[in-house]
Protein backbone atom coordinates (compact mmCIF):
# COMPACT_ATOMS: atom_id res chain seq x y z
CA MET A 1 5.90 -9.22 8.72
CA THR A 2 9.75 -8.70 7.97
CA PRO A 3 10.54 -5.65 6.03
CA ALA A 4 11.75 -5.92 2.25
CA ASP A 5 14.80 -4.05 0.89
CA ALA A 6 16.24 -4.14 -2.47
CA ASP A 7 18.45 -1.89 -3.97
CA TYR A 8 19.84 -2.31 -7.61
CA SER A 9 21.03 0.06 -10.29
CA PHE A 10 17.67 -0.85 -12.25
CA GLY A 11 15.19 -0.44 -9.53
CA SER A 12 14.49 -0.76 -5.86
CA TYR A 13 11.60 -2.24 -3.73
CA HIS A 14 11.04 -1.56 0.24
CA SER A 15 8.24 -2.56 2.18
CA LYS A 16 7.44 -2.01 6.07
CA THR A 17 4.49 -3.15 8.53
CA GLU A 18 3.55 -0.93 11.16
CA THR A 19 0.54 -0.64 13.77
CA LYS A 20 -1.01 2.88 14.08
CA GLY A 21 -3.55 2.63 17.09
CA ASP A 22 -5.73 -0.57 16.07
CA THR A 23 -4.63 -0.40 12.48
CA ILE A 24 -1.96 -2.31 10.74
CA VAL A 25 -0.37 -0.24 7.91
CA TYR A 26 1.66 -1.90 4.99
CA THR A 27 3.72 0.37 2.97
CA ARG A 28 5.77 -0.59 -0.04
CA THR A 29 7.62 1.33 -2.80
CA PHE A 30 8.48 0.05 -6.14
CA GLN A 31 10.72 2.23 -8.25
CA ILE A 32 11.92 1.42 -11.48
CA GLU A 33 15.41 3.34 -12.56
CA GLU A 34 16.41 1.69 -15.89
CA LEU A 35 13.38 0.60 -18.37
CA SER A 36 15.89 -2.02 -20.04
CA VAL A 37 18.40 -4.55 -18.07
CA PRO A 38 21.49 -5.80 -19.84
CA VAL A 39 21.86 -9.46 -19.70
CA SER A 40 24.81 -9.48 -17.36
CA LYS A 41 22.38 -8.44 -14.87
CA VAL A 42 19.63 -10.97 -15.37
CA ASP A 43 20.47 -12.92 -11.92
CA ASP A 44 20.23 -9.58 -10.00
CA LEU A 45 16.83 -9.08 -11.75
CA LYS A 46 15.53 -12.48 -10.85
CA LYS A 47 16.53 -12.00 -7.33
CA PHE A 48 14.81 -8.64 -7.31
CA TYR A 49 11.72 -10.10 -8.39
CA ARG A 50 11.93 -12.90 -6.08
CA ILE A 51 12.19 -10.73 -3.09
CA ILE A 52 9.05 -8.62 -4.32
CA ALA A 53 7.28 -12.14 -4.80
CA THR A 54 8.22 -13.39 -1.34
CA ASP A 55 7.15 -10.17 0.30
CA GLU A 56 3.93 -10.07 -1.37
CA ARG A 57 2.96 -13.51 -0.27
CA SER A 58 3.73 -12.72 3.39
CA THR A 59 0.85 -13.05 5.73
CA ALA A 60 0.30 -11.29 9.16
CA VAL A 61 -1.13 -13.42 11.91
CA LEU A 62 -3.60 -11.61 14.24
CA ILE A 63 -3.78 -13.05 18.00
CA SER A 64 -6.76 -11.63 20.13
CA LEU A 65 -5.90 -10.73 23.55
CA CYS A 66 -9.50 -11.13 24.70
CA HIS A 67 -10.40 -13.46 27.12
């Protein structure tokens, strides 16, 4: 899965996927900086939430290497 990074004045979202031994670890951080967003930033806000939605719908495909 591709990491997601979105930084705006009103908030940020970051995610990453890594392996630790036999475990896949998915980490995400969602931080709100401004409780209200001016109308002038509504396009950025939509983009921000699209990035989050796309990241949350991502899937991991596991392939068995056993024969």
